[in-house]
Amino acid sequence: MADVKSELLERELLAQPVRGLQYMLRRLSEVYDFLPEVVPNGKFDERTLESVMLFQRELHPPVTGVVDRGTWNAIHDQWQKAEQNISHPQTVRAFPAGGCEVEPGSSRDFMAVPQAMFMVLAHYFQGLSDAPVDGIHGPDTVQNVRWIQQAAGLQDTGVMNQQTWNILCRLYEVFIVQDMDTARPKYSGGWG
């Protein structure tokens, strides 16, 4: 966990230890059914005590209900391992913002990303072709862009723009990224 976001979260865990403990326990409840879901409210309440004791019983005996350094480290270590499995992949901004438009015939390296998405989506939609992934907004890619624009009720220009990119991304999420409902976190960051 060497990225900036995780470093900031680590600092927050230490700055507000009870809330940090609750946050880690809440995330661990997504992995371990025996842990109740804890609300990170900053108060060491009965639900937090119960969660600590159940954690100790199952993963770090003895059961004391006290969060000493050993218990904190055990919870922290389990949380870090769990985050590798339950956190979402890092997102990437693949299409430039600020009104970027790619005219037919243009060559832009980032066009390889929508071309790859079209290639995969072509297996699901008649009318899309699995055009080469070469970064050139050539005839096959233009045809795919026009198909997306027509299907979405956008102006059929063949120009790849942010609006067309957003529709393409949504189609990719819905039809390619599997199990979207189970992949969404029950609790997504922050302290509550």
N, C-alpha and C. Protein backbone atom coordinates (compact mmCIF):
# COMPACT_ATOMS: atom_id res chain seq x y z
N MET A 1 0.84 -1.18 0.00
CA MET A 1 0.00 0.00 0.00
C MET A 1 0.89 1.24 0.00
N ALA A 2 1.54 1.47 -1.09
CA ALA A 2 2.51 2.55 -1.12
C ALA A 2 1.99 3.79 -1.84
N ASP A 3 0.73 3.80 -2.25
CA ASP A 3 0.25 4.98 -2.97
C ASP A 3 -0.16 6.09 -2.01
N VAL A 4 -0.36 7.26 -2.56
CA VAL A 4 -0.65 8.45 -1.76
C VAL A 4 -1.94 8.29 -0.97
N LYS A 5 -2.98 7.73 -1.60
CA LYS A 5 -4.26 7.57 -0.91
C LYS A 5 -4.11 6.70 0.32
N SER A 6 -3.39 5.59 0.22
CA SER A 6 -3.24 4.72 1.38
C SER A 6 -2.38 5.37 2.46
N GLU A 7 -1.39 6.18 2.06
CA GLU A 7 -0.59 6.89 3.06
C GLU A 7 -1.45 7.88 3.83
N LEU A 8 -2.33 8.58 3.14
CA LEU A 8 -3.23 9.52 3.82
C LEU A 8 -4.16 8.78 4.77
N LEU A 9 -4.68 7.64 4.32
CA LEU A 9 -5.57 6.84 5.17
C LEU A 9 -4.82 6.36 6.41
N GLU A 10 -3.58 5.93 6.24
CA GLU A 10 -2.78 5.49 7.38
C GLU A 10 -2.65 6.61 8.41
N ARG A 11 -2.41 7.83 7.94
CA ARG A 11 -2.29 8.97 8.86
C ARG A 11 -3.60 9.21 9.60
N GLU A 12 -4.72 9.09 8.88
CA GLU A 12 -6.04 9.28 9.50
C GLU A 12 -6.29 8.21 10.57
N LEU A 13 -5.88 6.97 10.29
CA LEU A 13 -6.07 5.89 11.26
C LEU A 13 -5.37 6.22 12.57
N LEU A 14 -4.18 6.78 12.45
CA LEU A 14 -3.41 7.10 13.65
C LEU A 14 -3.87 8.39 14.32
N ALA A 15 -4.37 9.34 13.54
CA ALA A 15 -4.82 10.62 14.09
C ALA A 15 -6.11 10.45 14.90
N GLN A 16 -6.94 9.54 14.47
CA GLN A 16 -8.20 9.28 15.15
C GLN A 16 -8.28 7.78 15.41
N PRO A 17 -7.60 7.30 16.44
CA PRO A 17 -7.43 5.86 16.61
C PRO A 17 -8.73 5.05 16.78
N VAL A 18 -9.71 5.56 17.51
CA VAL A 18 -10.95 4.79 17.68
C VAL A 18 -11.69 4.72 16.35
N ARG A 19 -11.79 5.84 15.68
CA ARG A 19 -12.45 5.85 14.38
C ARG A 19 -11.68 4.98 13.38
N GLY A 20 -10.36 5.04 13.44
CA GLY A 20 -9.53 4.21 12.58
C GLY A 20 -9.74 2.73 12.86
N LEU A 21 -9.79 2.38 14.14
CA LEU A 21 -10.07 0.99 14.53
C LEU A 21 -11.42 0.56 13.98
N GLN A 22 -12.44 1.39 14.15
CA GLN A 22 -13.78 1.08 13.66
C GLN A 22 -13.80 0.93 12.14
N TYR A 23 -13.08 1.79 11.46
CA TYR A 23 -13.02 1.70 10.00
C TYR A 23 -12.42 0.36 9.58
N MET A 24 -11.30 0.00 10.19
CA MET A 24 -10.66 -1.27 9.83
C MET A 24 -11.57 -2.45 10.14
N LEU A 25 -12.22 -2.42 11.30
CA LEU A 25 -13.13 -3.51 11.67
C LEU A 25 -14.32 -3.59 10.71
N ARG A 26 -14.81 -2.43 10.30
CA ARG A 26 -15.92 -2.41 9.35
C ARG A 26 -15.51 -3.05 8.03
N ARG A 27 -14.35 -2.68 7.55
CA ARG A 27 -13.85 -3.28 6.30
C ARG A 27 -13.62 -4.78 6.48
N LEU A 28 -13.11 -5.18 7.62
CA LEU A 28 -12.88 -6.61 7.88
C LEU A 28 -14.20 -7.38 7.96
N SER A 29 -15.29 -6.71 8.34
CA SER A 29 -16.58 -7.40 8.40
C SER A 29 -17.07 -7.81 7.01
N GLU A 30 -16.49 -7.21 5.97
CA GLU A 30 -16.82 -7.61 4.60
C GLU A 30 -16.14 -8.92 4.23
N VAL A 31 -15.10 -9.28 4.97
CA VAL A 31 -14.34 -10.50 4.70
C VAL A 31 -14.71 -11.60 5.69
N TYR A 32 -14.88 -11.22 6.93
CA TYR A 32 -15.15 -12.19 7.99
C TYR A 32 -16.59 -12.06 8.46
N ASP A 33 -17.37 -13.11 8.22
CA ASP A 33 -18.78 -13.10 8.59
C ASP A 33 -19.00 -13.00 10.10
N PHE A 34 -18.05 -13.42 10.88
CA PHE A 34 -18.22 -13.40 12.33
C PHE A 34 -18.12 -11.99 12.92
N LEU A 35 -17.63 -11.03 12.14
CA LEU A 35 -17.51 -9.66 12.64
C LEU A 35 -18.75 -8.85 12.30
N PRO A 36 -19.32 -8.15 13.29
CA PRO A 36 -20.46 -7.28 12.99
C PRO A 36 -19.99 -6.02 12.27
N GLU A 37 -20.90 -5.40 11.54
CA GLU A 37 -20.57 -4.15 10.85
C GLU A 37 -20.56 -3.02 11.88
N VAL A 38 -19.44 -2.35 11.97
CA VAL A 38 -19.24 -1.27 12.95
C VAL A 38 -19.34 0.07 12.24
N VAL A 39 -20.00 1.03 12.86
CA VAL A 39 -20.08 2.38 12.32
C VAL A 39 -18.92 3.20 12.89
N PRO A 40 -18.08 3.75 12.01
CA PRO A 40 -16.97 4.57 12.50
C PRO A 40 -17.45 5.91 13.07
N ASN A 41 -17.81 5.92 14.34
CA ASN A 41 -18.33 7.14 14.96
C ASN A 41 -17.35 7.76 15.95
N GLY A 42 -16.21 7.11 16.16
CA GLY A 42 -15.20 7.66 17.06
C GLY A 42 -15.43 7.35 18.52
N LYS A 43 -16.49 6.61 18.84
CA LYS A 43 -16.80 6.25 20.23
C LYS A 43 -16.60 4.75 20.40
N PHE A 44 -15.82 4.36 21.39
CA PHE A 44 -15.60 2.95 21.66
C PHE A 44 -16.84 2.40 22.36
N ASP A 45 -17.85 2.07 21.54
CA ASP A 45 -19.15 1.64 22.06
C ASP A 45 -19.22 0.11 22.16
N GLU A 46 -20.41 -0.39 22.54
CA GLU A 46 -20.60 -1.84 22.72
C GLU A 46 -20.34 -2.61 21.44
N ARG A 47 -20.77 -2.07 20.31
CA ARG A 47 -20.60 -2.75 19.02
C ARG A 47 -19.12 -2.87 18.68
N THR A 48 -18.35 -1.82 19.00
CA THR A 48 -16.91 -1.85 18.76
C THR A 48 -16.25 -2.88 19.67
N LEU A 49 -16.63 -2.87 20.94
CA LEU A 49 -16.09 -3.84 21.89
C LEU A 49 -16.40 -5.26 21.43
N GLU A 50 -17.63 -5.50 21.02
CA GLU A 50 -18.03 -6.82 20.53
C GLU A 50 -17.17 -7.24 19.34
N SER A 51 -16.96 -6.33 18.43
CA SER A 51 -16.17 -6.63 17.25
C SER A 51 -14.72 -6.94 17.62
N VAL A 52 -14.14 -6.16 18.53
CA VAL A 52 -12.77 -6.41 18.98
C VAL A 52 -12.68 -7.79 19.63
N MET A 53 -13.63 -8.12 20.48
CA MET A 53 -13.59 -9.40 21.18
C MET A 53 -13.77 -10.57 20.21
N LEU A 54 -14.64 -10.42 19.23
CA LEU A 54 -14.81 -11.48 18.24
C LEU A 54 -13.55 -11.63 17.38
N PHE A 55 -12.93 -10.51 17.03
CA PHE A 55 -11.67 -10.56 16.29
C PHE A 55 -10.63 -11.31 17.11
N GLN A 56 -10.52 -10.96 18.39
CA GLN A 56 -9.54 -11.63 19.25
C GLN A 56 -9.85 -13.12 19.37
N ARG A 57 -11.11 -13.46 19.55
CA ARG A 57 -11.49 -14.87 19.69
C ARG A 57 -11.07 -15.68 18.46
N GLU A 58 -11.32 -15.13 17.27
CA GLU A 58 -11.10 -15.89 16.05
C GLU A 58 -9.68 -15.75 15.47
N LEU A 59 -9.06 -14.60 15.65
CA LEU A 59 -7.81 -14.34 14.94
C LEU A 59 -6.62 -13.94 15.81
N HIS A 60 -6.87 -13.47 17.05
CA HIS A 60 -5.77 -12.97 17.85
C HIS A 60 -6.07 -13.13 19.35
N PRO A 61 -6.08 -14.39 19.83
CA PRO A 61 -6.34 -14.59 21.26
C PRO A 61 -5.21 -14.02 22.11
N PRO A 62 -5.47 -13.77 23.38
CA PRO A 62 -6.67 -14.06 24.14
C PRO A 62 -7.72 -12.96 24.01
N VAL A 63 -8.93 -13.30 24.39
CA VAL A 63 -10.03 -12.34 24.33
C VAL A 63 -9.98 -11.47 25.58
N THR A 64 -9.65 -10.20 25.37
CA THR A 64 -9.58 -9.25 26.49
C THR A 64 -10.49 -8.05 26.27
N GLY A 65 -10.79 -7.75 25.01
CA GLY A 65 -11.56 -6.55 24.69
C GLY A 65 -10.72 -5.30 24.70
N VAL A 66 -9.45 -5.43 25.07
CA VAL A 66 -8.53 -4.31 25.12
C VAL A 66 -7.76 -4.24 23.81
N VAL A 67 -7.67 -3.05 23.26
CA VAL A 67 -6.91 -2.87 22.02
C VAL A 67 -5.52 -2.36 22.40
N ASP A 68 -4.67 -3.33 22.73
CA ASP A 68 -3.28 -2.99 23.01
C ASP A 68 -2.51 -2.97 21.69
N ARG A 69 -1.23 -2.75 21.75
CA ARG A 69 -0.42 -2.67 20.52
C ARG A 69 -0.52 -3.96 19.71
N GLY A 70 -0.49 -5.11 20.36
CA GLY A 70 -0.58 -6.39 19.65
C GLY A 70 -1.90 -6.55 18.92
N THR A 71 -3.00 -6.19 19.57
CA THR A 71 -4.32 -6.30 18.94
C THR A 71 -4.43 -5.30 17.80
N TRP A 72 -3.99 -4.06 18.04
CA TRP A 72 -4.03 -3.05 16.97
C TRP A 72 -3.26 -3.55 15.75
N ASN A 73 -2.04 -4.04 15.97
CA ASN A 73 -1.22 -4.52 14.85
C ASN A 73 -1.87 -5.70 14.13
N ALA A 74 -2.49 -6.60 14.88
CA ALA A 74 -3.15 -7.76 14.26
C ALA A 74 -4.33 -7.30 13.40
N ILE A 75 -5.13 -6.38 13.93
CA ILE A 75 -6.26 -5.83 13.16
C ILE A 75 -5.74 -5.10 11.93
N HIS A 76 -4.71 -4.29 12.12
CA HIS A 76 -4.12 -3.53 11.01
C HIS A 76 -3.58 -4.47 9.93
N ASP A 77 -2.87 -5.52 10.35
CA ASP A 77 -2.31 -6.47 9.38
C ASP A 77 -3.41 -7.19 8.60
N GLN A 78 -4.45 -7.62 9.30
CA GLN A 78 -5.57 -8.30 8.63
C GLN A 78 -6.29 -7.33 7.69
N TRP A 79 -6.43 -6.09 8.11
CA TRP A 79 -7.08 -5.08 7.27
C TRP A 79 -6.27 -4.85 6.00
N GLN A 80 -4.95 -4.72 6.12
CA GLN A 80 -4.12 -4.51 4.93
C GLN A 80 -4.24 -5.68 3.96
N LYS A 81 -4.23 -6.90 4.47
CA LYS A 81 -4.40 -8.08 3.61
C LYS A 81 -5.76 -8.06 2.94
N ALA A 82 -6.79 -7.72 3.70
CA ALA A 82 -8.15 -7.70 3.16
C ALA A 82 -8.30 -6.64 2.08
N GLU A 83 -7.69 -5.48 2.29
CA GLU A 83 -7.81 -4.40 1.31
C GLU A 83 -7.29 -4.81 -0.06
N GLN A 84 -6.31 -5.68 -0.08
CA GLN A 84 -5.79 -6.15 -1.36
C GLN A 84 -6.85 -6.93 -2.14
N ASN A 85 -7.77 -7.55 -1.42
CA ASN A 85 -8.82 -8.36 -2.07
C ASN A 85 -10.14 -7.63 -2.25
N ILE A 86 -10.46 -6.70 -1.34
CA ILE A 86 -11.79 -6.09 -1.42
C ILE A 86 -11.80 -4.69 -1.99
N SER A 87 -10.63 -4.06 -2.07
CA SER A 87 -10.64 -2.71 -2.62
C SER A 87 -10.76 -2.78 -4.14
N HIS A 88 -11.28 -1.73 -4.71
CA HIS A 88 -11.47 -1.67 -6.15
C HIS A 88 -10.16 -1.33 -6.85
N PRO A 89 -10.03 -1.78 -8.09
CA PRO A 89 -8.82 -1.44 -8.83
C PRO A 89 -8.70 0.07 -8.99
N GLN A 90 -7.49 0.53 -9.09
CA GLN A 90 -7.23 1.95 -9.31
C GLN A 90 -7.85 2.38 -10.64
N THR A 91 -8.53 3.48 -10.65
CA THR A 91 -9.13 3.98 -11.88
C THR A 91 -8.08 4.74 -12.68
N VAL A 92 -8.33 4.85 -13.96
CA VAL A 92 -7.40 5.56 -14.83
C VAL A 92 -8.21 6.49 -15.72
N ARG A 93 -7.70 7.68 -15.90
CA ARG A 93 -8.35 8.61 -16.83
C ARG A 93 -7.72 8.35 -18.19
N ALA A 94 -8.47 7.73 -19.09
CA ALA A 94 -7.92 7.29 -20.37
C ALA A 94 -8.24 8.23 -21.53
N PHE A 95 -9.20 9.12 -21.33
CA PHE A 95 -9.57 10.04 -22.40
C PHE A 95 -9.40 11.47 -21.88
N PRO A 96 -8.71 12.32 -22.64
CA PRO A 96 -8.45 13.68 -22.16
C PRO A 96 -9.74 14.49 -21.95
N ALA A 97 -9.74 15.30 -20.92
CA ALA A 97 -10.86 16.20 -20.65
C ALA A 97 -10.66 17.50 -21.42
N GLY A 98 -11.52 18.44 -21.16
CA GLY A 98 -11.37 19.77 -21.73
C GLY A 98 -11.79 19.89 -23.18
N GLY A 99 -12.81 19.13 -23.55
CA GLY A 99 -13.35 19.27 -24.89
C GLY A 99 -12.53 18.59 -25.98
N CYS A 100 -11.74 17.62 -25.62
CA CYS A 100 -10.93 16.91 -26.61
C CYS A 100 -11.84 16.23 -27.63
N GLU A 101 -11.49 16.38 -28.89
CA GLU A 101 -12.21 15.71 -29.97
C GLU A 101 -11.18 15.11 -30.92
N VAL A 102 -11.42 13.86 -31.30
CA VAL A 102 -10.52 13.19 -32.22
C VAL A 102 -11.26 13.01 -33.54
N GLU A 103 -10.80 13.73 -34.53
CA GLU A 103 -11.42 13.72 -35.85
C GLU A 103 -11.06 12.44 -36.60
N PRO A 104 -11.95 11.96 -37.47
CA PRO A 104 -11.61 10.80 -38.30
C PRO A 104 -10.30 11.04 -39.05
N GLY A 105 -9.49 9.99 -39.09
CA GLY A 105 -8.19 10.07 -39.76
C GLY A 105 -7.06 10.49 -38.85
N SER A 106 -7.38 10.98 -37.66
CA SER A 106 -6.35 11.41 -36.71
C SER A 106 -5.68 10.21 -36.06
N SER A 107 -4.47 10.42 -35.61
CA SER A 107 -3.73 9.39 -34.90
C SER A 107 -3.40 9.93 -33.51
N ARG A 108 -3.92 9.27 -32.49
CA ARG A 108 -3.66 9.65 -31.09
C ARG A 108 -3.44 8.36 -30.31
N ASP A 109 -2.36 8.28 -29.58
CA ASP A 109 -2.03 7.05 -28.84
C ASP A 109 -3.16 6.60 -27.93
N PHE A 110 -3.82 7.55 -27.24
CA PHE A 110 -4.87 7.17 -26.29
C PHE A 110 -6.08 6.55 -26.97
N MET A 111 -6.20 6.68 -28.29
CA MET A 111 -7.33 6.05 -29.00
C MET A 111 -7.25 4.53 -28.96
N ALA A 112 -6.09 3.98 -28.60
CA ALA A 112 -5.97 2.53 -28.47
C ALA A 112 -6.90 2.00 -27.36
N VAL A 113 -7.16 2.80 -26.34
CA VAL A 113 -8.03 2.35 -25.24
C VAL A 113 -9.47 2.17 -25.72
N PRO A 114 -10.10 3.19 -26.34
CA PRO A 114 -11.46 2.93 -26.82
C PRO A 114 -11.50 1.85 -27.91
N GLN A 115 -10.44 1.74 -28.70
CA GLN A 115 -10.42 0.70 -29.71
C GLN A 115 -10.43 -0.69 -29.06
N ALA A 116 -9.68 -0.87 -28.00
CA ALA A 116 -9.67 -2.15 -27.29
C ALA A 116 -11.05 -2.42 -26.68
N MET A 117 -11.69 -1.38 -26.16
CA MET A 117 -13.03 -1.55 -25.60
C MET A 117 -14.03 -1.93 -26.69
N PHE A 118 -13.93 -1.30 -27.85
CA PHE A 118 -14.80 -1.66 -28.97
C PHE A 118 -14.58 -3.11 -29.37
N MET A 119 -13.32 -3.55 -29.37
CA MET A 119 -13.00 -4.92 -29.76
C MET A 119 -13.71 -5.92 -28.85
N VAL A 120 -13.71 -5.66 -27.57
CA VAL A 120 -14.36 -6.57 -26.62
C VAL A 120 -15.89 -6.46 -26.75
N LEU A 121 -16.41 -5.25 -26.85
CA LEU A 121 -17.85 -5.05 -26.96
C LEU A 121 -18.43 -5.62 -28.26
N ALA A 122 -17.59 -5.76 -29.29
CA ALA A 122 -18.06 -6.30 -30.57
C ALA A 122 -18.61 -7.72 -30.42
N HIS A 123 -18.20 -8.42 -29.38
CA HIS A 123 -18.71 -9.76 -29.12
C HIS A 123 -20.14 -9.73 -28.58
N TYR A 124 -20.58 -8.59 -28.12
CA TYR A 124 -21.89 -8.44 -27.51
C TYR A 124 -22.88 -7.67 -28.39
N PHE A 125 -22.38 -6.85 -29.30
CA PHE A 125 -23.26 -5.98 -30.08
C PHE A 125 -23.01 -6.16 -31.58
N GLN A 126 -24.09 -6.50 -32.25
CA GLN A 126 -24.03 -6.55 -33.70
C GLN A 126 -23.95 -5.11 -34.19
N GLY A 127 -23.05 -4.83 -35.08
CA GLY A 127 -22.87 -3.46 -35.56
C GLY A 127 -21.55 -2.86 -35.14
N LEU A 128 -20.94 -3.42 -34.10
CA LEU A 128 -19.60 -3.00 -33.70
C LEU A 128 -18.60 -3.97 -34.31
N SER A 129 -17.47 -3.44 -34.75
CA SER A 129 -16.44 -4.31 -35.31
C SER A 129 -15.25 -4.35 -34.38
N ASP A 130 -14.52 -5.45 -34.43
CA ASP A 130 -13.31 -5.54 -33.62
C ASP A 130 -12.13 -5.04 -34.45
N ALA A 131 -12.16 -3.74 -34.65
CA ALA A 131 -11.16 -3.03 -35.45
C ALA A 131 -9.79 -3.15 -34.78
N PRO A 132 -8.74 -2.94 -35.54
CA PRO A 132 -7.39 -3.02 -34.96
C PRO A 132 -7.17 -1.96 -33.88
N VAL A 133 -6.35 -2.32 -32.92
CA VAL A 133 -5.98 -1.40 -31.84
C VAL A 133 -4.65 -0.79 -32.24
N ASP A 134 -4.73 0.37 -32.90
CA ASP A 134 -3.52 0.99 -33.43
C ASP A 134 -3.41 2.48 -33.14
N GLY A 135 -4.41 3.04 -32.46
CA GLY A 135 -4.37 4.47 -32.13
C GLY A 135 -4.78 5.38 -33.27
N ILE A 136 -5.14 4.80 -34.41
CA ILE A 136 -5.55 5.60 -35.56
C ILE A 136 -7.08 5.58 -35.64
N HIS A 137 -7.65 6.76 -35.70
CA HIS A 137 -9.11 6.88 -35.77
C HIS A 137 -9.52 6.70 -37.24
N GLY A 138 -9.29 5.46 -37.69
CA GLY A 138 -9.56 5.11 -39.07
C GLY A 138 -11.01 4.69 -39.29
N PRO A 139 -11.32 4.20 -40.51
CA PRO A 139 -12.70 3.90 -40.90
C PRO A 139 -13.44 2.95 -39.94
N ASP A 140 -12.76 1.88 -39.48
CA ASP A 140 -13.43 0.93 -38.58
C ASP A 140 -13.76 1.58 -37.23
N THR A 141 -12.83 2.34 -36.70
CA THR A 141 -13.07 3.01 -35.42
C THR A 141 -14.14 4.08 -35.58
N VAL A 142 -14.10 4.82 -36.67
CA VAL A 142 -15.12 5.84 -36.93
C VAL A 142 -16.49 5.19 -37.00
N GLN A 143 -16.58 4.04 -37.66
CA GLN A 143 -17.87 3.32 -37.76
C GLN A 143 -18.35 2.93 -36.36
N ASN A 144 -17.45 2.47 -35.51
CA ASN A 144 -17.82 2.10 -34.14
C ASN A 144 -18.29 3.32 -33.34
N VAL A 145 -17.60 4.42 -33.50
CA VAL A 145 -17.98 5.66 -32.82
C VAL A 145 -19.37 6.09 -33.29
N ARG A 146 -19.61 6.03 -34.58
CA ARG A 146 -20.93 6.39 -35.11
C ARG A 146 -22.01 5.46 -34.56
N TRP A 147 -21.71 4.19 -34.44
CA TRP A 147 -22.68 3.23 -33.89
C TRP A 147 -23.06 3.62 -32.47
N ILE A 148 -22.05 3.92 -31.66
CA ILE A 148 -22.30 4.33 -30.27
C ILE A 148 -23.13 5.61 -30.24
N GLN A 149 -22.76 6.58 -31.06
CA GLN A 149 -23.48 7.85 -31.09
C GLN A 149 -24.94 7.65 -31.50
N GLN A 150 -25.19 6.83 -32.51
CA GLN A 150 -26.56 6.56 -32.94
C GLN A 150 -27.34 5.85 -31.85
N ALA A 151 -26.73 4.83 -31.24
CA ALA A 151 -27.41 4.06 -30.19
C ALA A 151 -27.76 4.93 -28.99
N ALA A 152 -26.94 5.94 -28.72
CA ALA A 152 -27.17 6.82 -27.57
C ALA A 152 -28.00 8.04 -27.91
N GLY A 153 -28.36 8.19 -29.16
CA GLY A 153 -29.15 9.35 -29.58
C GLY A 153 -28.32 10.62 -29.65
N LEU A 154 -27.01 10.47 -29.81
CA LEU A 154 -26.14 11.62 -29.95
C LEU A 154 -26.03 12.01 -31.42
N GLN A 155 -25.50 13.17 -31.68
CA GLN A 155 -25.27 13.58 -33.06
C GLN A 155 -24.23 12.64 -33.67
N ASP A 156 -24.57 12.08 -34.83
CA ASP A 156 -23.74 11.08 -35.51
C ASP A 156 -22.64 11.80 -36.31
N THR A 157 -21.49 12.03 -35.65
CA THR A 157 -20.40 12.76 -36.29
C THR A 157 -19.20 11.89 -36.61
N GLY A 158 -19.05 10.77 -35.89
CA GLY A 158 -17.86 9.95 -36.04
C GLY A 158 -16.67 10.51 -35.30
N VAL A 159 -16.85 11.67 -34.69
CA VAL A 159 -15.78 12.30 -33.91
C VAL A 159 -15.82 11.71 -32.50
N MET A 160 -14.67 11.22 -32.03
CA MET A 160 -14.59 10.71 -30.66
C MET A 160 -14.45 11.89 -29.73
N ASN A 161 -15.41 12.04 -28.83
CA ASN A 161 -15.39 13.15 -27.87
C ASN A 161 -15.73 12.61 -26.49
N GLN A 162 -15.76 13.48 -25.52
CA GLN A 162 -15.98 13.04 -24.14
C GLN A 162 -17.36 12.42 -23.96
N GLN A 163 -18.37 12.95 -24.58
CA GLN A 163 -19.72 12.40 -24.44
C GLN A 163 -19.78 10.98 -25.00
N THR A 164 -19.17 10.76 -26.16
CA THR A 164 -19.13 9.42 -26.74
C THR A 164 -18.30 8.48 -25.87
N TRP A 165 -17.18 8.99 -25.35
CA TRP A 165 -16.34 8.20 -24.45
C TRP A 165 -17.13 7.75 -23.22
N ASN A 166 -17.92 8.66 -22.64
CA ASN A 166 -18.70 8.33 -21.44
C ASN A 166 -19.70 7.22 -21.73
N ILE A 167 -20.36 7.26 -22.89
CA ILE A 167 -21.31 6.20 -23.26
C ILE A 167 -20.57 4.89 -23.45
N LEU A 168 -19.44 4.92 -24.12
CA LEU A 168 -18.64 3.71 -24.33
C LEU A 168 -18.23 3.10 -23.00
N CYS A 169 -17.78 3.93 -22.06
CA CYS A 169 -17.38 3.43 -20.74
C CYS A 169 -18.54 2.78 -20.01
N ARG A 170 -19.70 3.40 -20.10
CA ARG A 170 -20.87 2.83 -19.42
C ARG A 170 -21.24 1.48 -20.01
N LEU A 171 -21.22 1.36 -21.34
CA LEU A 171 -21.50 0.06 -21.98
C LEU A 171 -20.48 -0.98 -21.53
N TYR A 172 -19.24 -0.59 -21.46
CA TYR A 172 -18.18 -1.51 -21.05
C TYR A 172 -18.41 -1.98 -19.61
N GLU A 173 -18.77 -1.04 -18.73
CA GLU A 173 -19.05 -1.42 -17.34
C GLU A 173 -20.21 -2.40 -17.25
N VAL A 174 -21.28 -2.11 -17.97
CA VAL A 174 -22.49 -2.92 -17.86
C VAL A 174 -22.31 -4.30 -18.48
N PHE A 175 -21.65 -4.38 -19.62
CA PHE A 175 -21.59 -5.65 -20.33
C PHE A 175 -20.30 -6.43 -20.12
N ILE A 176 -19.23 -5.80 -19.70
CA ILE A 176 -17.97 -6.50 -19.59
C ILE A 176 -17.54 -6.69 -18.14
N VAL A 177 -17.60 -5.64 -17.35
CA VAL A 177 -17.18 -5.76 -15.96
C VAL A 177 -18.24 -6.59 -15.24
N GLN A 178 -17.84 -7.76 -14.84
CA GLN A 178 -18.78 -8.72 -14.27
C GLN A 178 -19.17 -8.37 -12.83
N ASP A 179 -20.37 -8.78 -12.47
CA ASP A 179 -20.86 -8.69 -11.10
C ASP A 179 -20.72 -7.30 -10.50
N MET A 180 -21.21 -6.29 -11.22
CA MET A 180 -21.08 -4.92 -10.74
C MET A 180 -21.70 -4.73 -9.35
N ASP A 181 -22.82 -5.37 -9.08
CA ASP A 181 -23.45 -5.19 -7.77
C ASP A 181 -22.60 -5.76 -6.65
N THR A 182 -22.00 -6.93 -6.88
CA THR A 182 -21.18 -7.51 -5.81
C THR A 182 -19.82 -6.84 -5.74
N ALA A 183 -19.40 -6.19 -6.82
CA ALA A 183 -18.10 -5.52 -6.82
C ALA A 183 -18.17 -4.17 -6.12
N ARG A 184 -19.36 -3.59 -6.02
CA ARG A 184 -19.47 -2.28 -5.36
C ARG A 184 -19.31 -2.45 -3.86
N PRO A 185 -18.54 -1.58 -3.26
CA PRO A 185 -18.34 -1.70 -1.82
C PRO A 185 -19.60 -1.31 -1.05
N LYS A 186 -19.80 -1.99 0.08
CA LYS A 186 -20.90 -1.60 0.96
C LYS A 186 -20.58 -0.25 1.60
N TYR A 187 -19.31 -0.01 1.79
CA TYR A 187 -18.85 1.20 2.45
C TYR A 187 -17.64 1.68 1.67
N SER A 188 -17.69 2.89 1.19
CA SER A 188 -16.61 3.32 0.32
C SER A 188 -15.83 4.49 0.91
N GLY A 189 -14.84 4.15 1.67
CA GLY A 189 -13.91 5.15 2.19
C GLY A 189 -14.50 6.10 3.20
N GLY A 190 -13.71 7.04 3.60
CA GLY A 190 -14.15 8.03 4.56
C GLY A 190 -14.34 7.43 5.93
N TRP A 191 -14.87 8.21 6.79
CA TRP A 191 -15.06 7.76 8.16
C TRP A 191 -16.52 7.54 8.53
N GLY A 192 -17.38 7.48 7.62
CA GLY A 192 -18.74 7.14 8.02
C GLY A 192 -19.72 7.96 7.34
